[in-house]
């Protein structure tokens, strides 16, 4: 009887420790590598992210096939505007964003997959705990994300939908907050367009 009670106690403790979706920082800056192998696309960028005001800014080095370009891309989703400045030609295009704002973090309803140590777990300060999450949306789109634990900072995300395709993002050098709020102002070459 004691063994059964002990086993049930361990089961209850284990069940109670299943992680629930965490909340990622709403504003941060860092670096991003985005890849879509089907479209032969890779982008390395300095990235500013503001979920509170639904806006992003990326200073990109973009490689599509064998072509390499450099862009300054500002998305102001609340204003439904995308500013895309070619840093070589100084040509600016203003359009509507190609996709809606999607918050980078663990969506409510996500399924916890597993937790792991990235780096050398036996060496102090040479590793971090990573939680992996997955969700399938009603339209069939899938999203997987890996975040640090306990702070829920995104380090990897993968998106797939029939309309958008497949995109992988890696995030690094993340710093909380926005150091210069003017980063979300349109480039000078784009003003008045």
Protein backbone atom coordinates (compact mmCIF):
# COMPACT_ATOMS: atom_id res chain seq x y z
CA UNK A 1 0.00 0.00 0.00
CA UNK A 2 2.84 2.36 0.89
CA UNK A 3 4.47 1.73 -2.54
CA UNK A 4 1.23 2.58 -4.34
CA UNK A 5 0.80 5.79 -2.33
CA UNK A 6 4.43 6.74 -3.00
CA UNK A 7 4.03 6.03 -6.72
CA UNK A 8 0.84 8.11 -6.87
CA UNK A 9 2.61 10.92 -5.02
CA UNK A 10 5.48 10.93 -7.54
CA UNK A 11 3.00 10.87 -10.41
CA UNK A 12 1.11 13.85 -8.95
CA UNK A 13 4.34 15.83 -8.48
CA UNK A 14 5.51 15.02 -12.03
CA UNK A 15 2.12 15.92 -13.51
CA UNK A 16 2.05 19.22 -11.60
CA UNK A 17 5.43 20.16 -13.13
CA UNK A 18 4.32 20.02 -16.77
CA UNK A 19 5.23 23.49 -18.08
CA UNK A 20 2.52 25.87 -19.21
CA UNK A 21 3.10 28.35 -22.08
CA UNK A 22 5.32 31.18 -20.88
CA UNK A 23 5.20 34.82 -21.95
CA UNK A 24 8.11 36.07 -24.03
CA UNK A 25 9.45 39.62 -23.71
CA UNK A 26 7.27 42.08 -25.64
CA UNK A 27 10.18 44.27 -26.74
CA UNK A 28 13.71 43.21 -27.62
CA UNK A 29 16.60 43.72 -30.00
CA UNK A 30 19.09 41.26 -31.36
CA UNK A 31 20.14 39.37 -34.45
CA UNK A 32 18.06 37.08 -36.63
CA UNK A 33 18.82 34.52 -39.32
CA UNK A 34 15.78 33.58 -41.42
CA UNK A 35 15.94 30.74 -43.95
CA UNK A 36 13.57 29.30 -46.52
CA UNK A 37 15.38 26.58 -48.47
CA UNK A 38 12.50 26.02 -50.92
CA UNK A 39 12.76 29.65 -52.06
CA UNK A 40 16.59 29.58 -51.79
CA UNK A 41 16.36 32.47 -49.36
CA UNK A 42 18.48 33.48 -46.40
CA UNK A 43 18.45 36.72 -44.44
CA UNK A 44 20.82 37.81 -41.69
CA UNK A 45 19.65 40.91 -39.88
CA UNK A 46 19.93 43.27 -36.96
CA UNK A 47 16.40 42.96 -35.63
CA UNK A 48 14.17 45.14 -33.42
CA UNK A 49 10.89 43.65 -32.19
CA UNK A 50 7.98 45.41 -30.46
CA UNK A 51 4.89 43.26 -29.87
CA UNK A 52 3.25 45.97 -27.74
CA UNK A 53 2.97 48.31 -30.74
CA UNK A 54 3.03 45.57 -33.42
CA UNK A 55 6.16 46.67 -35.27
CA UNK A 56 9.50 45.25 -36.38
CA UNK A 57 12.64 46.61 -38.02
CA UNK A 58 15.33 44.59 -39.76
CA UNK A 59 18.58 45.77 -41.32
CA UNK A 60 19.05 42.81 -43.65
CA UNK A 61 21.69 41.13 -45.68
CA UNK A 62 19.51 39.04 -47.94
CA UNK A 63 20.55 36.24 -50.27
CA UNK A 64 18.03 34.85 -52.76
CA UNK A 65 19.56 32.23 -55.01
CA UNK A 66 22.92 33.71 -55.97
CA UNK A 67 21.81 37.35 -55.61
CA UNK A 68 22.78 39.33 -52.53
CA UNK A 69 21.07 42.58 -51.46
CA UNK A 70 20.90 44.80 -48.40
CA UNK A 71 17.63 46.21 -47.09
CA UNK A 72 16.23 48.28 -44.27
CA UNK A 73 12.73 46.88 -43.66
CA UNK A 74 10.26 48.50 -41.27
CA UNK A 75 6.88 46.92 -40.54
CA UNK A 76 4.27 49.10 -38.81
CA UNK A 77 1.40 46.62 -38.59
CA UNK A 78 -1.05 48.92 -36.78
CA UNK A 79 -0.65 51.38 -39.68
CA UNK A 80 -0.68 48.51 -42.23
CA UNK A 81 2.61 49.78 -43.74
CA UNK A 82 5.83 48.15 -44.86
CA UNK A 83 8.80 50.36 -45.75
CA UNK A 84 11.50 48.53 -47.74
CA UNK A 85 14.63 50.57 -48.50
CA UNK A 86 17.25 49.01 -50.76
CA UNK A 87 20.49 50.11 -49.10
CA UNK A 88 22.48 49.81 -52.36
CA UNK A 89 20.19 51.79 -54.67
CA UNK A 90 18.45 53.94 -52.00
CA UNK A 91 15.13 53.02 -53.66
CA UNK A 92 12.26 52.88 -51.15
CA UNK A 93 9.02 50.98 -51.66
CA UNK A 94 6.04 51.49 -49.39
CA UNK A 95 3.37 48.79 -49.37
CA UNK A 96 1.10 46.82 -47.10
CA UNK A 97 2.83 44.03 -45.14
CA UNK A 98 2.87 40.69 -46.96
CA UNK A 99 1.63 38.89 -43.84
CA UNK A 100 -0.12 39.90 -40.59
CA UNK A 101 1.82 40.56 -37.39
CA UNK A 102 2.68 37.33 -35.63
CA UNK A 103 3.87 37.50 -32.05
CA UNK A 104 7.19 35.70 -31.54
CA UNK A 105 6.63 33.64 -28.43
CA UNK A 106 4.73 30.63 -27.14
CA UNK A 107 1.08 30.94 -28.22
CA UNK A 108 -1.66 30.01 -25.77
CA UNK A 109 -2.72 26.42 -26.39
CA UNK A 110 0.77 25.32 -27.44
CA UNK A 111 1.84 21.79 -26.61
CA UNK A 112 5.00 21.36 -24.52
CA UNK A 113 7.36 18.97 -26.32
CA UNK A 114 10.48 18.74 -24.16
CA UNK A 115 13.09 20.64 -22.18
CA UNK A 116 16.83 20.32 -22.81
CA UNK A 117 20.14 21.86 -21.90
CA UNK A 118 21.88 23.65 -24.79
CA UNK A 119 25.65 23.87 -24.46
CA UNK A 120 27.88 22.06 -22.00
CA UNK A 121 25.61 21.28 -19.04
CA UNK A 122 28.49 20.20 -16.78
CA UNK A 123 30.34 23.53 -17.16
CA UNK A 124 28.91 26.48 -15.16
CA UNK A 125 27.68 29.39 -17.31
CA UNK A 126 28.21 27.39 -20.54
CA UNK A 127 24.63 26.24 -21.01
CA UNK A 128 21.01 27.30 -20.87
CA UNK A 129 17.73 25.52 -20.41
CA UNK A 130 15.53 25.46 -23.51
CA UNK A 131 11.84 24.59 -23.71
CA UNK A 132 10.37 23.41 -27.02
CA UNK A 133 6.74 24.05 -27.94
CA UNK A 134 4.48 23.26 -30.89
CA UNK A 135 1.01 24.28 -32.07
CA UNK A 136 -1.20 23.56 -35.07
CA UNK A 137 -3.69 26.32 -35.84
CA UNK A 138 -7.26 25.87 -37.09
CA UNK A 139 -6.22 26.65 -40.68
CA UNK A 140 -3.60 23.87 -40.58
CA UNK A 141 -0.62 26.20 -40.17
CA UNK A 142 2.07 24.88 -37.81
CA UNK A 143 4.43 26.75 -35.52
CA UNK A 144 7.25 25.44 -33.35
CA UNK A 145 9.37 27.55 -31.03
CA UNK A 146 12.27 27.06 -28.64
CA UNK A 147 12.61 29.53 -25.77
CA UNK A 148 14.99 29.90 -22.87
CA UNK A 149 13.75 28.92 -19.44
CA UNK A 150 12.73 30.57 -17.19
CA UNK A 151 12.79 33.89 -19.12
CA UNK A 152 11.00 32.68 -22.29
CA UNK A 153 13.39 34.44 -24.69
CA UNK A 154 12.93 33.08 -28.24
CA UNK A 155 15.96 31.41 -29.82
CA UNK A 156 14.39 29.38 -32.65
CA UNK A 157 11.07 29.38 -34.52
CA UNK A 158 9.72 27.45 -37.50
CA UNK A 159 6.53 28.34 -39.38
CA UNK A 160 4.64 26.42 -42.03
CA UNK A 161 1.43 27.24 -43.85
CA UNK A 162 0.15 26.40 -47.32
CA UNK A 163 -0.13 30.08 -48.26
CA UNK A 164 3.18 31.28 -46.78
CA UNK A 165 5.43 28.22 -47.10
CA UNK A 166 8.16 27.21 -44.67
CA UNK A 167 10.36 29.65 -42.73
CA UNK A 168 12.99 28.98 -40.06
CA UNK A 169 14.25 31.74 -37.76
CA UNK A 170 17.16 31.70 -35.31
CA UNK A 171 17.56 34.53 -32.80
CA UNK A 172 20.72 35.44 -30.89
CA UNK A 173 22.43 38.34 -29.09
CA UNK A 174 19.02 39.26 -27.60
CA UNK A 175 18.75 42.30 -25.31
CA UNK A 176 15.48 43.20 -23.61
CA UNK A 177 13.81 46.49 -24.46
CA UNK A 178 14.32 48.96 -27.30
CA UNK A 179 17.47 51.06 -26.85
CA UNK A 180 16.39 53.76 -29.34
CA UNK A 181 12.63 54.17 -30.00
CA UNK A 182 13.40 56.13 -33.19
CA UNK A 183 14.36 52.79 -34.77
CA UNK A 184 10.66 52.51 -35.66
CA UNK A 185 10.59 55.75 -37.66
CA UNK A 186 10.61 55.36 -41.46
CA UNK A 187 14.01 55.88 -43.15
CA UNK A 188 14.57 59.40 -44.49
CA UNK A 189 14.40 58.13 -48.10
CA UNK A 190 10.92 56.75 -47.44
CA UNK A 191 9.36 59.81 -45.84
CA UNK A 192 6.62 61.47 -47.84
CA UNK A 193 5.97 58.36 -49.96
